[in-house]
Amino acid sequence: MESNLLSERETLVLQALVDAYIEIGIPIGSQTLCAREDMGISSATVRNTLSSLEEKGYVKQPHTSAGRIPTDRGYRFFVAQRMEEGGFELDEEEIQLREQLEGQLREGNCEEILAQLAKMLGDISHQLGLVLAPRFEQGFFHRLELVRLAENRLLLVVTIRQGLVKSLVLEVASGISRDDLELMSRLLNERLHGLTMAEIRRSMRQRLAMLNTGNLQLLRAVTEEIEGLAAPSGADLHVSGTSNICLQPEFHDPLRVAGLIELVEKKDALAHLLRARQGMVITIGEENGPQPIELCSVVTASCEIGGALGVIGVIGPMRMPYGRVVNLVNCAASRAAALVL
């Protein structure tokens, strides 16, 4: 185990240094560390211990005359140690933040609440808030509605049992009556009941081929749109707080943040990365793999909503307040899982 590679004193000094650097954001020297933490050892002993930690790859010195900062490995040790000890305890401020998250959450359908969670996670953590909704294609079809908006425009609303709703506007030829809309809604609700959206995408045309009643032009238009709605999409990913990332000192260099912003804007790629994360997952620096987020930490928790898995999390610099972020993400995941669907 990683913890076996460090002595008790090295572990104590490393944890103190990570705590200090997360709070202050500048390289930490031995005297600063001793002034902040009563570790029961002298400044000279702390200095020697920091040198040992640097040799082992847990801290580094940005400049010869500067103090030390944690490396990816140092952050990983810090987080793993805390999680091994039972996780991060909630302090009074974090309890208030959780209450703030609960208090600001408004009523709404599942999609609206998940979008709210992404925004609040970004705002409260001052990082990038992420909420990946359960795959629409995993959900079981519940019902559809066809609502007339204008002579040749209809609103198609599809709801699955998980509470997720998708809607879009269809352009159709004029002359479709209210009876046509009611008949088509009833036929489709009967034929598609109990199927997953993935099954509908694969077999909808075959299931409806034998229909010889109703407006066939309307049937073709609705069929194409439902097949499109059932396809996996980055639209399931809610992202909020991009400006928070840009304000972090680690990302003042536009070149460092450009790749991350591009990844966020290309939601499909980011959604694909998040889909593979189940349970509470914390990845740091190079553990994240893709170039744009190897300078970041990603904290996520999966949550089950109506039988399908979603992912809730935060992306930020490696110098993030892990305790606060882990507790907020857990709280948001619990709230999402408790949605009344």
C-alpha atoms as a PDB file:
ATOM      1  CA  MET A   1       0.000   0.000   0.000  1.00  0.00           C
ATOM      2  CA  GLU A   2       1.025   3.597  -0.681  1.00  0.00           C
ATOM      3  CA  SER A   3       0.761   4.480   3.018  1.00  0.00           C
ATOM      4  CA  ASN A   4       3.516   1.980   3.826  1.00  0.00           C
ATOM      5  CA  LEU A   5       5.986   4.083   1.816  1.00  0.00           C
ATOM      6  CA  LEU A   6       5.807   7.008   4.229  1.00  0.00           C
ATOM      7  CA  SER A   7       6.700   7.247   7.880  1.00  0.00           C
ATOM      8  CA  GLU A   8       4.235   8.581  10.420  1.00  0.00           C
ATOM      9  CA  ARG A   9       6.082  11.908  10.461  1.00  0.00           C
ATOM     10  CA  GLU A  10       6.128  12.163   6.665  1.00  0.00           C
ATOM     11  CA  THR A  11       2.402  11.441   6.571  1.00  0.00           C
ATOM     12  CA  LEU A  12       1.729  14.128   9.184  1.00  0.00           C
ATOM     13  CA  VAL A  13       3.812  16.758   7.370  1.00  0.00           C
ATOM     14  CA  LEU A  14       2.384  15.901   3.939  1.00  0.00           C
ATOM     15  CA  GLN A  15      -1.209  16.146   5.145  1.00  0.00           C
ATOM     16  CA  ALA A  16      -0.456  19.481   6.824  1.00  0.00           C
ATOM     17  CA  LEU A  17       1.198  20.806   3.661  1.00  0.00           C
ATOM     18  CA  VAL A  18      -1.722  19.793   1.416  1.00  0.00           C
ATOM     19  CA  ASP A  19      -4.219  21.394   3.809  1.00  0.00           C
ATOM     20  CA  ALA A  20      -2.163  24.599   3.894  1.00  0.00           C
ATOM     21  CA  TYR A  21      -1.621  24.778   0.139  1.00  0.00           C
ATOM     22  CA  ILE A  22      -5.318  24.204  -0.621  1.00  0.00           C
ATOM     23  CA  GLU A  23      -6.201  27.108   1.665  1.00  0.00           C
ATOM     24  CA  ILE A  24      -3.391  29.557   0.844  1.00  0.00           C
ATOM     25  CA  GLY A  25      -2.560  28.693  -2.765  1.00  0.00           C
ATOM     26  CA  ILE A  26       1.144  29.565  -2.595  1.00  0.00           C
ATOM     27  CA  PRO A  27       4.193  27.324  -1.999  1.00  0.00           C
ATOM     28  CA  ILE A  28       4.507  26.397   1.666  1.00  0.00           C
ATOM     29  CA  GLY A  29       7.786  26.635   3.602  1.00  0.00           C
ATOM     30  CA  SER A  30       8.708  24.868   6.822  1.00  0.00           C
ATOM     31  CA  GLN A  31       8.292  27.966   8.974  1.00  0.00           C
ATOM     32  CA  THR A  32       4.817  28.664   7.560  1.00  0.00           C
ATOM     33  CA  LEU A  33       3.855  25.062   8.185  1.00  0.00           C
ATOM     34  CA  CYS A  34       5.060  25.169  11.785  1.00  0.00           C
ATOM     35  CA  ALA A  35       3.244  28.440  12.389  1.00  0.00           C
ATOM     36  CA  ARG A  36      -0.020  26.962  11.081  1.00  0.00           C
ATOM     37  CA  GLU A  37       0.194  23.486  12.577  1.00  0.00           C
ATOM     38  CA  ASP A  38       1.320  22.348  16.009  1.00  0.00           C
ATOM     39  CA  MET A  39       2.986  19.106  14.923  1.00  0.00           C
ATOM     40  CA  GLY A  40       5.296  18.876  17.912  1.00  0.00           C
ATOM     41  CA  ILE A  41       8.465  18.986  15.771  1.00  0.00           C
ATOM     42  CA  SER A  42      10.938  21.746  14.974  1.00  0.00           C
ATOM     43  CA  SER A  43      11.097  23.800  11.798  1.00  0.00           C
ATOM     44  CA  ALA A  44      14.401  22.094  10.917  1.00  0.00           C
ATOM     45  CA  THR A  45      12.776  18.654  11.257  1.00  0.00           C
ATOM     46  CA  VAL A  46       9.872  19.787   9.050  1.00  0.00           C
ATOM     47  CA  ARG A  47      12.370  21.091   6.477  1.00  0.00           C
ATOM     48  CA  ASN A  48      14.202  17.761   6.408  1.00  0.00           C
ATOM     49  CA  THR A  49      10.917  15.875   6.144  1.00  0.00           C
ATOM     50  CA  LEU A  50       9.841  18.026   3.190  1.00  0.00           C
ATOM     51  CA  SER A  51      13.144  17.232   1.484  1.00  0.00           C
ATOM     52  CA  SER A  52      12.486  13.541   2.009  1.00  0.00           C
ATOM     53  CA  LEU A  53       8.957  13.886   0.610  1.00  0.00           C
ATOM     54  CA  GLU A  54      10.362  15.694  -2.415  1.00  0.00           C
ATOM     55  CA  GLU A  55      12.819  12.877  -3.075  1.00  0.00           C
ATOM     56  CA  LYS A  56       9.931  10.400  -2.951  1.00  0.00           C
ATOM     57  CA  GLY A  57       7.843  12.439  -5.397  1.00  0.00           C
ATOM     58  CA  TYR A  58       5.080  13.657  -3.069  1.00  0.00           C
ATOM     59  CA  VAL A  59       5.962  17.363  -3.134  1.00  0.00           C
ATOM     60  CA  LYS A  60       7.913  19.622  -5.442  1.00  0.00           C
ATOM     61  CA  GLN A  61       9.572  23.018  -5.314  1.00  0.00           C
ATOM     62  CA  PRO A  62       8.407  25.347  -8.138  1.00  0.00           C
ATOM     63  CA  HIS A  63      11.406  27.638  -7.627  1.00  0.00           C
ATOM     64  CA  THR A  64      14.684  27.162  -5.804  1.00  0.00           C
ATOM     65  CA  SER A  65      13.881  29.778  -3.165  1.00  0.00           C
ATOM     66  CA  ALA A  66      10.198  28.847  -2.843  1.00  0.00           C
ATOM     67  CA  GLY A  67       8.433  26.481  -0.510  1.00  0.00           C
ATOM     68  CA  ARG A  68       6.849  23.205  -1.632  1.00  0.00           C
ATOM     69  CA  ILE A  69       3.558  22.276  -3.239  1.00  0.00           C
ATOM     70  CA  PRO A  70       1.951  18.832  -3.544  1.00  0.00           C
ATOM     71  CA  THR A  71       2.439  16.738  -6.675  1.00  0.00           C
ATOM     72  CA  ASP A  72      -0.266  14.547  -8.210  1.00  0.00           C
ATOM     73  CA  ARG A  73       1.067  11.742  -6.041  1.00  0.00           C
ATOM     74  CA  GLY A  74       0.926  13.922  -2.945  1.00  0.00           C
ATOM     75  CA  TYR A  75      -2.703  14.830  -3.550  1.00  0.00           C
ATOM     76  CA  ARG A  76      -3.546  11.186  -4.236  1.00  0.00           C
ATOM     77  CA  PHE A  77      -1.951  10.098  -0.942  1.00  0.00           C
ATOM     78  CA  PHE A  78      -3.771  12.865   0.945  1.00  0.00           C
ATOM     79  CA  VAL A  79      -7.184  11.917  -0.481  1.00  0.00           C
ATOM     80  CA  ALA A  80      -6.664   8.150  -0.170  1.00  0.00           C
ATOM     81  CA  GLN A  81      -5.548   8.532   3.455  1.00  0.00           C
ATOM     82  CA  ARG A  82      -8.590  10.608   4.361  1.00  0.00           C
ATOM     83  CA  MET A  83     -10.981   8.233   2.606  1.00  0.00           C
ATOM     84  CA  GLU A  84      -9.323   5.247   4.277  1.00  0.00           C
ATOM     85  CA  GLU A  85      -9.845   6.916   7.649  1.00  0.00           C
ATOM     86  CA  GLY A  86     -13.584   7.141   7.002  1.00  0.00           C
ATOM     87  CA  GLY A  87     -13.915  10.070   4.624  1.00  0.00           C
ATOM     88  CA  PHE A  88     -14.050  13.786   5.202  1.00  0.00           C
ATOM     89  CA  GLU A  89     -15.957  14.953   8.259  1.00  0.00           C
ATOM     90  CA  LEU A  90     -18.508  17.710   7.804  1.00  0.00           C
ATOM     91  CA  ASP A  91     -17.493  20.943   9.496  1.00  0.00           C
ATOM     92  CA  GLU A  92     -19.984  23.678  10.350  1.00  0.00           C
ATOM     93  CA  GLU A  93     -19.419  25.550   7.071  1.00  0.00           C
ATOM     94  CA  GLU A  94     -19.968  22.405   5.001  1.00  0.00           C
ATOM     95  CA  ILE A  95     -23.185  21.646   6.875  1.00  0.00           C
ATOM     96  CA  GLN A  96     -24.376  25.141   5.962  1.00  0.00           C
ATOM     97  CA  LEU A  97     -23.419  24.560   2.331  1.00  0.00           C
ATOM     98  CA  ARG A  98     -25.426  21.330   2.225  1.00  0.00           C
ATOM     99  CA  GLU A  99     -28.399  23.138   3.739  1.00  0.00           C
ATOM    100  CA  GLN A 100     -27.946  25.858   1.118  1.00  0.00           C
ATOM    101  CA  LEU A 101     -28.023  23.261  -1.645  1.00  0.00           C
ATOM    102  CA  GLU A 102     -31.209  21.724  -0.263  1.00  0.00           C
ATOM    103  CA  GLY A 103     -32.835  25.093   0.382  1.00  0.00           C
ATOM    104  CA  GLN A 104     -32.239  26.486  -3.103  1.00  0.00           C
ATOM    105  CA  LEU A 105     -33.439  23.403  -4.941  1.00  0.00           C
ATOM    106  CA  ARG A 106     -36.808  24.152  -6.463  1.00  0.00           C
ATOM    107  CA  GLU A 107     -39.540  21.754  -7.430  1.00  0.00           C
ATOM    108  CA  GLY A 108     -39.692  20.598 -11.023  1.00  0.00           C
ATOM    109  CA  ASN A 109     -39.407  17.581 -13.246  1.00  0.00           C
ATOM    110  CA  CYS A 110     -36.350  15.374 -13.155  1.00  0.00           C
ATOM    111  CA  GLU A 111     -34.468  17.214 -15.912  1.00  0.00           C
ATOM    112  CA  GLU A 112     -35.093  20.606 -14.321  1.00  0.00           C
ATOM    113  CA  ILE A 113     -33.864  19.411 -10.926  1.00  0.00           C
ATOM    114  CA  LEU A 114     -30.714  17.849 -12.408  1.00  0.00           C
ATOM    115  CA  ALA A 115     -29.918  21.099 -14.235  1.00  0.00           C
ATOM    116  CA  GLN A 116     -30.419  22.975 -10.943  1.00  0.00           C
ATOM    117  CA  LEU A 117     -28.046  20.583  -9.185  1.00  0.00           C
ATOM    118  CA  ALA A 118     -25.319  21.211 -11.778  1.00  0.00           C
ATOM    119  CA  LYS A 119     -25.648  24.970 -11.335  1.00  0.00           C
ATOM    120  CA  MET A 120     -25.665  24.826  -7.547  1.00  0.00           C
ATOM    121  CA  LEU A 121     -22.689  22.458  -7.452  1.00  0.00           C
ATOM    122  CA  GLY A 122     -20.728  24.884  -9.617  1.00  0.00           C
ATOM    123  CA  ASP A 123     -21.807  27.934  -7.619  1.00  0.00           C
ATOM    124  CA  ILE A 124     -21.285  26.471  -4.146  1.00  0.00           C
ATOM    125  CA  SER A 125     -17.992  24.693  -4.881  1.00  0.00           C
ATOM    126  CA  HIS A 126     -16.659  27.514  -7.111  1.00  0.00           C
ATOM    127  CA  GLN A 127     -15.671  24.789  -9.567  1.00  0.00           C
ATOM    128  CA  LEU A 128     -17.305  23.201 -12.596  1.00  0.00           C
ATOM    129  CA  GLY A 129     -20.548  21.411 -11.686  1.00  0.00           C
ATOM    130  CA  LEU A 130     -21.534  18.326 -13.703  1.00  0.00           C
ATOM    131  CA  VAL A 131     -24.692  16.257 -13.743  1.00  0.00           C
ATOM    132  CA  LEU A 132     -25.041  13.427 -16.242  1.00  0.00           C
ATOM    133  CA  ALA A 133     -28.683  12.387 -16.373  1.00  0.00           C
ATOM    134  CA  PRO A 134     -29.523   8.684 -16.500  1.00  0.00           C
ATOM    135  CA  ARG A 135     -29.433   7.470 -20.072  1.00  0.00           C
ATOM    136  CA  PHE A 136     -32.735   8.281 -21.692  1.00  0.00           C
ATOM    137  CA  GLU A 137     -32.329   5.123 -23.776  1.00  0.00           C
ATOM    138  CA  GLN A 138     -32.193   2.994 -20.596  1.00  0.00           C
ATOM    139  CA  GLY A 139     -35.548   4.274 -19.445  1.00  0.00           C
ATOM    140  CA  PHE A 140     -38.901   2.605 -19.970  1.00  0.00           C
ATOM    141  CA  PHE A 141     -41.333   4.491 -22.146  1.00  0.00           C
ATOM    142  CA  HIS A 142     -44.147   5.996 -20.086  1.00  0.00           C
ATOM    143  CA  ARG A 143     -46.202   8.138 -22.423  1.00  0.00           C
ATOM    144  CA  LEU A 144     -46.130  10.685 -25.204  1.00  0.00           C
ATOM    145  CA  GLU A 145     -48.242  13.725 -25.914  1.00  0.00           C
ATOM    146  CA  LEU A 146     -48.857  15.621 -29.129  1.00  0.00           C
ATOM    147  CA  VAL A 147     -49.871  19.246 -28.640  1.00  0.00           C
ATOM    148  CA  ARG A 148     -50.756  21.656 -31.430  1.00  0.00           C
ATOM    149  CA  LEU A 149     -48.740  24.879 -31.358  1.00  0.00           C
ATOM    150  CA  ALA A 150     -49.813  26.291 -34.732  1.00  0.00           C
ATOM    151  CA  GLU A 151     -51.455  25.121 -37.950  1.00  0.00           C
ATOM    152  CA  ASN A 152     -48.364  23.226 -39.077  1.00  0.00           C
ATOM    153  CA  ARG A 153     -46.382  22.933 -35.840  1.00  0.00           C
ATOM    154  CA  LEU A 154     -46.738  20.322 -33.091  1.00  0.00           C
ATOM    155  CA  LEU A 155     -45.037  19.804 -29.730  1.00  0.00           C
ATOM    156  CA  LEU A 156     -43.975  16.198 -29.107  1.00  0.00           C
ATOM    157  CA  VAL A 157     -43.386  15.384 -25.416  1.00  0.00           C
ATOM    158  CA  VAL A 158     -41.982  11.980 -24.433  1.00  0.00           C
ATOM    159  CA  THR A 159     -41.753  10.894 -20.787  1.00  0.00           C
ATOM    160  CA  ILE A 160     -40.036   7.798 -19.421  1.00  0.00           C
ATOM    161  CA  ARG A 161     -40.679   6.147 -16.063  1.00  0.00           C
ATOM    162  CA  GLN A 162     -37.483   7.575 -14.606  1.00  0.00           C
ATOM    163  CA  GLY A 163     -39.157  10.973 -14.770  1.00  0.00           C
ATOM    164  CA  LEU A 164     -37.000  12.272 -17.606  1.00  0.00           C
ATOM    165  CA  VAL A 165     -38.819  14.317 -20.215  1.00  0.00           C
ATOM    166  CA  LYS A 166     -37.754  15.265 -23.718  1.00  0.00           C
ATOM    167  CA  SER A 167     -39.674  17.488 -26.061  1.00  0.00           C
ATOM    168  CA  LEU A 168     -39.298  19.031 -29.503  1.00  0.00           C
ATOM    169  CA  VAL A 169     -41.269  20.874 -32.126  1.00  0.00           C
ATOM    170  CA  LEU A 170     -42.364  19.079 -35.318  1.00  0.00           C
ATOM    171  CA  GLU A 171     -43.099  20.778 -38.598  1.00  0.00           C
ATOM    172  CA  VAL A 172     -46.021  19.020 -40.311  1.00  0.00           C
ATOM    173  CA  ALA A 173     -48.352  19.682 -43.201  1.00  0.00           C
ATOM    174  CA  SER A 174     -51.503  21.593 -42.404  1.00  0.00           C
ATOM    175  CA  GLY A 175     -54.780  19.753 -42.210  1.00  0.00           C
ATOM    176  CA  ILE A 176     -53.961  17.452 -39.281  1.00  0.00           C
ATOM    177  CA  SER A 177     -57.000  17.419 -37.056  1.00  0.00           C
ATOM    178  CA  ARG A 178     -57.351  17.171 -33.305  1.00  0.00           C
ATOM    179  CA  ASP A 179     -58.813  13.702 -33.814  1.00  0.00           C
ATOM    180  CA  ASP A 180     -55.653  12.719 -35.738  1.00  0.00           C
ATOM    181  CA  LEU A 181     -53.483  13.847 -32.813  1.00  0.00           C
ATOM    182  CA  GLU A 182     -55.559  12.023 -30.217  1.00  0.00           C
ATOM    183  CA  LEU A 183     -55.671   8.812 -32.264  1.00  0.00           C
ATOM    184  CA  MET A 184     -51.931   8.862 -32.958  1.00  0.00           C
ATOM    185  CA  SER A 185     -51.097   9.500 -29.289  1.00  0.00           C
ATOM    186  CA  ARG A 186     -53.332   6.624 -28.193  1.00  0.00           C
ATOM    187  CA  LEU A 187     -51.944   4.175 -30.777  1.00  0.00           C
ATOM    188  CA  LEU A 188     -48.318   4.967 -29.991  1.00  0.00           C
ATOM    189  CA  ASN A 189     -48.850   4.836 -26.234  1.00  0.00           C
ATOM    190  CA  GLU A 190     -50.440   1.402 -26.619  1.00  0.00           C
ATOM    191  CA  ARG A 191     -47.785   0.025 -28.987  1.00  0.00           C
ATOM    192  CA  LEU A 192     -44.732   1.343 -27.117  1.00  0.00           C
ATOM    193  CA  HIS A 193     -45.836   0.726 -23.530  1.00  0.00           C
ATOM    194  CA  GLY A 194     -43.307  -1.244 -21.458  1.00  0.00           C
ATOM    195  CA  LEU A 195     -40.426  -0.923 -23.925  1.00  0.00           C
ATOM    196  CA  THR A 196     -37.083   0.724 -23.190  1.00  0.00           C
ATOM    197  CA  MET A 197     -36.188   3.659 -25.387  1.00  0.00           C
ATOM    198  CA  ALA A 198     -33.316   1.571 -26.784  1.00  0.00           C
ATOM    199  CA  GLU A 199     -35.788  -1.141 -27.829  1.00  0.00           C
ATOM    200  CA  ILE A 200     -38.007   1.500 -29.386  1.00  0.00           C
ATOM    201  CA  ARG A 201     -35.109   2.904 -31.384  1.00  0.00           C
ATOM    202  CA  ARG A 202     -34.217  -0.543 -32.723  1.00  0.00           C
ATOM    203  CA  SER A 203     -37.693  -1.843 -33.514  1.00  0.00           C
ATOM    204  CA  MET A 204     -40.169   1.026 -33.736  1.00  0.00           C
ATOM    205  CA  ARG A 205     -40.572   0.919 -37.506  1.00  0.00           C
ATOM    206  CA  GLN A 206     -41.262  -2.818 -37.489  1.00  0.00           C
ATOM    207  CA  ARG A 207     -43.742  -2.479 -34.620  1.00  0.00           C
ATOM    208  CA  LEU A 208     -45.670   0.259 -36.427  1.00  0.00           C
ATOM    209  CA  ALA A 209     -45.428  -1.161 -39.963  1.00  0.00           C
ATOM    210  CA  MET A 210     -48.748  -2.993 -39.633  1.00  0.00           C
ATOM    211  CA  LEU A 211     -50.693   0.106 -38.635  1.00  0.00           C
ATOM    212  CA  ASN A 212     -53.224   0.957 -41.327  1.00  0.00           C
ATOM    213  CA  THR A 213     -55.161   3.574 -39.447  1.00  0.00           C
ATOM    214  CA  GLY A 214     -54.541   7.189 -38.596  1.00  0.00           C
ATOM    215  CA  ASN A 215     -52.634   9.864 -40.478  1.00  0.00           C
ATOM    216  CA  LEU A 216     -49.631   8.084 -42.047  1.00  0.00           C
ATOM    217  CA  GLN A 217     -47.728  11.314 -42.692  1.00  0.00           C
ATOM    218  CA  LEU A 218     -48.033  12.191 -39.007  1.00  0.00           C
ATOM    219  CA  LEU A 219     -46.976   8.654 -38.076  1.00  0.00           C
ATOM    220  CA  ARG A 220     -43.784   8.890 -40.155  1.00  0.00           C
ATOM    221  CA  ALA A 221     -42.884  12.292 -38.705  1.00  0.00           C
ATOM    222  CA  VAL A 222     -43.425  11.196 -35.093  1.00  0.00           C
ATOM    223  CA  THR A 223     -41.562   7.891 -35.656  1.00  0.00           C
ATOM    224  CA  GLU A 224     -38.444   9.685 -36.926  1.00  0.00           C
ATOM    225  CA  GLU A 225     -38.427  12.098 -34.013  1.00  0.00           C
ATOM    226  CA  ILE A 226     -38.911   9.428 -31.352  1.00  0.00           C
ATOM    227  CA  GLU A 227     -36.038   7.389 -32.833  1.00  0.00           C
ATOM    228  CA  GLY A 228     -33.853  10.494 -32.587  1.00  0.00           C
ATOM    229  CA  LEU A 229     -34.884  11.182 -28.999  1.00  0.00           C
ATOM    230  CA  ALA A 230     -33.988   7.612 -27.995  1.00  0.00           C
ATOM    231  CA  ALA A 231     -30.423   7.870 -29.313  1.00  0.00           C
ATOM    232  CA  PRO A 232     -27.623   8.482 -26.734  1.00  0.00           C
ATOM    233  CA  SER A 233     -26.637  12.152 -26.595  1.00  0.00           C
ATOM    234  CA  GLY A 234     -24.351  14.598 -24.857  1.00  0.00           C
ATOM    235  CA  ALA A 235     -27.503  16.611 -24.258  1.00  0.00           C
ATOM    236  CA  ASP A 236     -27.946  14.412 -21.165  1.00  0.00           C
ATOM    237  CA  LEU A 237     -25.000  16.275 -19.582  1.00  0.00           C
ATOM    238  CA  HIS A 238     -25.683  19.445 -17.593  1.00  0.00           C
ATOM    239  CA  VAL A 239     -22.592  21.626 -17.048  1.00  0.00           C
ATOM    240  CA  SER A 240     -22.391  24.838 -15.055  1.00  0.00           C
ATOM    241  CA  GLY A 241     -19.637  27.065 -13.710  1.00  0.00           C
ATOM    242  CA  THR A 242     -17.217  27.437 -16.622  1.00  0.00           C
ATOM    243  CA  SER A 243     -16.437  30.967 -15.438  1.00  0.00           C
ATOM    244  CA  ASN A 244     -15.460  29.546 -12.020  1.00  0.00           C
ATOM    245  CA  ILE A 245     -12.683  27.523 -13.658  1.00  0.00           C
ATOM    246  CA  CYS A 246     -11.386  30.567 -15.516  1.00  0.00           C
ATOM    247  CA  LEU A 247     -11.081  32.475 -12.230  1.00  0.00           C
ATOM    248  CA  GLN A 248      -8.901  29.816 -10.576  1.00  0.00           C
ATOM    249  CA  PRO A 249      -5.206  30.889 -10.336  1.00  0.00           C
ATOM    250  CA  GLU A 250      -4.128  27.590 -11.916  1.00  0.00           C
ATOM    251  CA  PHE A 251      -5.967  28.506 -15.112  1.00  0.00           C
ATOM    252  CA  HIS A 252      -4.958  32.115 -15.657  1.00  0.00           C
ATOM    253  CA  ASP A 253      -2.960  30.974 -18.694  1.00  0.00           C
ATOM    254  CA  PRO A 254      -5.528  30.831 -21.554  1.00  0.00           C
ATOM    255  CA  LEU A 255      -3.643  27.944 -23.170  1.00  0.00           C
ATOM    256  CA  ARG A 256      -4.106  25.801 -20.068  1.00  0.00           C
ATOM    257  CA  VAL A 257      -7.840  26.364 -19.865  1.00  0.00           C
ATOM    258  CA  ALA A 258      -8.662  26.326 -23.601  1.00  0.00           C
ATOM    259  CA  GLY A 259      -8.563  22.528 -23.912  1.00  0.00           C
ATOM    260  CA  LEU A 260     -10.775  22.080 -20.854  1.00  0.00           C
ATOM    261  CA  ILE A 261     -13.363  24.553 -22.148  1.00  0.00           C
ATOM    262  CA  GLU A 262     -13.371  22.772 -25.502  1.00  0.00           C
ATOM    263  CA  LEU A 263     -13.971  19.417 -23.766  1.00  0.00           C
ATOM    264  CA  VAL A 264     -16.841  20.931 -21.800  1.00  0.00           C
ATOM    265  CA  GLU A 265     -18.392  22.349 -24.963  1.00  0.00           C
ATOM    266  CA  LYS A 266     -18.098  18.982 -26.732  1.00  0.00           C
ATOM    267  CA  LYS A 267     -20.461  17.313 -24.307  1.00  0.00           C
ATOM    268  CA  ASP A 268     -20.462  13.918 -26.014  1.00  0.00           C
ATOM    269  CA  ALA A 269     -16.785  13.263 -25.179  1.00  0.00           C
ATOM    270  CA  LEU A 270     -17.151  14.395 -21.559  1.00  0.00           C
ATOM    271  CA  ALA A 271     -20.378  12.401 -21.143  1.00  0.00           C
ATOM    272  CA  HIS A 272     -18.568   9.294 -22.401  1.00  0.00           C
ATOM    273  CA  LEU A 273     -15.836   9.771 -19.783  1.00  0.00           C
ATOM    274  CA  LEU A 274     -18.344  10.194 -16.973  1.00  0.00           C
ATOM    275  CA  ARG A 275     -20.449   7.161 -17.928  1.00  0.00           C
ATOM    276  CA  ALA A 276     -17.646   4.812 -16.839  1.00  0.00           C
ATOM    277  CA  ARG A 277     -17.490   6.220 -13.286  1.00  0.00           C
ATOM    278  CA  GLN A 278     -19.554   4.256 -10.761  1.00  0.00           C
ATOM    279  CA  GLY A 279     -19.687   4.861  -7.021  1.00  0.00           C
ATOM    280  CA  MET A 280     -17.605   7.635  -5.470  1.00  0.00           C
ATOM    281  CA  VAL A 281     -14.602   8.224  -7.753  1.00  0.00           C
ATOM    282  CA  ILE A 282     -11.817  10.768  -7.260  1.00  0.00           C
ATOM    283  CA  THR A 283      -9.232  11.052 -10.030  1.00  0.00           C
ATOM    284  CA  ILE A 284      -6.310  13.441  -9.796  1.00  0.00           C
ATOM    285  CA  GLY A 285      -4.050  14.932 -12.440  1.00  0.00           C
ATOM    286  CA  GLU A 286      -2.658  12.417 -14.897  1.00  0.00           C
ATOM    287  CA  GLU A 287      -5.110   9.776 -13.633  1.00  0.00           C
ATOM    288  CA  ASN A 288      -7.692  11.591 -15.757  1.00  0.00           C
ATOM    289  CA  GLY A 289      -5.958  10.585 -18.969  1.00  0.00           C
ATOM    290  CA  PRO A 290      -7.196  13.029 -21.618  1.00  0.00           C
ATOM    291  CA  GLN A 291      -4.890  16.011 -22.049  1.00  0.00           C
ATOM    292  CA  PRO A 292      -7.443  18.745 -21.230  1.00  0.00           C
ATOM    293  CA  ILE A 293      -8.188  17.498 -17.707  1.00  0.00           C
ATOM    294  CA  GLU A 294      -4.822  16.127 -16.637  1.00  0.00           C
ATOM    295  CA  LEU A 295      -4.292  19.379 -14.728  1.00  0.00           C
ATOM    296  CA  CYS A 296      -7.555  18.851 -12.844  1.00  0.00           C
ATOM    297  CA  SER A 297      -9.169  16.709 -10.208  1.00  0.00           C
ATOM    298  CA  VAL A 298     -12.535  15.118 -10.901  1.00  0.00           C
ATOM    299  CA  VAL A 299     -14.841  14.093  -8.038  1.00  0.00           C
ATOM    300  CA  THR A 300     -17.970  12.153  -9.014  1.00  0.00           C
ATOM    301  CA  ALA A 301     -20.636   9.979  -7.449  1.00  0.00           C
ATOM    302  CA  SER A 302     -23.082   7.821  -9.366  1.00  0.00           C
ATOM    303  CA  CYS A 303     -26.720   7.741  -8.391  1.00  0.00           C
ATOM    304  CA  GLU A 304     -29.585   5.468  -9.335  1.00  0.00           C
ATOM    305  CA  ILE A 305     -32.690   7.246 -10.534  1.00  0.00           C
ATOM    306  CA  GLY A 306     -35.601   4.991 -11.330  1.00  0.00           C
ATOM    307  CA  GLY A 307     -33.341   2.047 -12.113  1.00  0.00           C
ATOM    308  CA  ALA A 308     -30.931   3.934 -14.401  1.00  0.00           C
ATOM    309  CA  LEU A 309     -27.548   5.345 -13.415  1.00  0.00           C
ATOM    310  CA  GLY A 310     -26.618   9.005 -13.526  1.00  0.00           C
ATOM    311  CA  VAL A 311     -23.368  10.698 -12.477  1.00  0.00           C
ATOM    312  CA  ILE A 312     -22.940  13.879 -10.438  1.00  0.00           C
ATOM    313  CA  GLY A 313     -19.625  15.615  -9.900  1.00  0.00           C
ATOM    314  CA  VAL A 314     -17.192  18.492  -9.938  1.00  0.00           C
ATOM    315  CA  ILE A 315     -14.119  19.302 -12.026  1.00  0.00           C
ATOM    316  CA  GLY A 316     -11.595  21.754 -10.663  1.00  0.00           C
ATOM    317  CA  PRO A 317      -7.877  22.324 -10.145  1.00  0.00           C
ATOM    318  CA  MET A 318      -5.954  19.740  -8.138  1.00  0.00           C
ATOM    319  CA  ARG A 319      -5.783  22.383  -5.393  1.00  0.00           C
ATOM    320  CA  MET A 320      -9.445  21.937  -4.536  1.00  0.00           C
ATOM    321  CA  PRO A 321     -10.985  21.626  -1.054  1.00  0.00           C
ATOM    322  CA  TYR A 322     -11.541  17.876  -1.317  1.00  0.00           C
ATOM    323  CA  GLY A 323     -13.528  17.525   1.893  1.00  0.00           C
ATOM    324  CA  ARG A 324     -16.051  20.176   0.912  1.00  0.00           C
ATOM    325  CA  VAL A 325     -16.342  18.902  -2.674  1.00  0.00           C
ATOM    326  CA  VAL A 326     -16.700  15.223  -1.705  1.00  0.00           C
ATOM    327  CA  ASN A 327     -19.442  16.039   0.797  1.00  0.00           C
ATOM    328  CA  LEU A 328     -21.292  18.310  -1.627  1.00  0.00           C
ATOM    329  CA  VAL A 329     -21.158  15.719  -4.406  1.00  0.00           C
ATOM    330  CA  ASN A 330     -22.419  13.019  -2.043  1.00  0.00           C
ATOM    331  CA  CYS A 331     -25.229  15.298  -0.898  1.00  0.00           C
ATOM    332  CA  ALA A 332     -26.235  16.145  -4.480  1.00  0.00           C
ATOM    333  CA  ALA A 333     -26.142  12.467  -5.490  1.00  0.00           C
ATOM    334  CA  SER A 334     -28.364  11.560  -2.535  1.00  0.00           C
ATOM    335  CA  ARG A 335     -30.789  14.328  -3.481  1.00  0.00           C
ATOM    336  CA  ALA A 336     -30.927  13.154  -7.100  1.00  0.00           C
ATOM    337  CA  ALA A 337     -31.483   9.544  -6.061  1.00  0.00           C
ATOM    338  CA  ALA A 338     -34.386  10.654  -3.857  1.00  0.00           C
ATOM    339  CA  LEU A 339     -36.257  12.272  -6.734  1.00  0.00           C
ATOM    340  CA  VAL A 340     -39.921  11.338  -6.724  1.00  0.00           C
ATOM    341  CA  LEU A 341     -40.432   9.927 -10.178  1.00  0.00           C
END
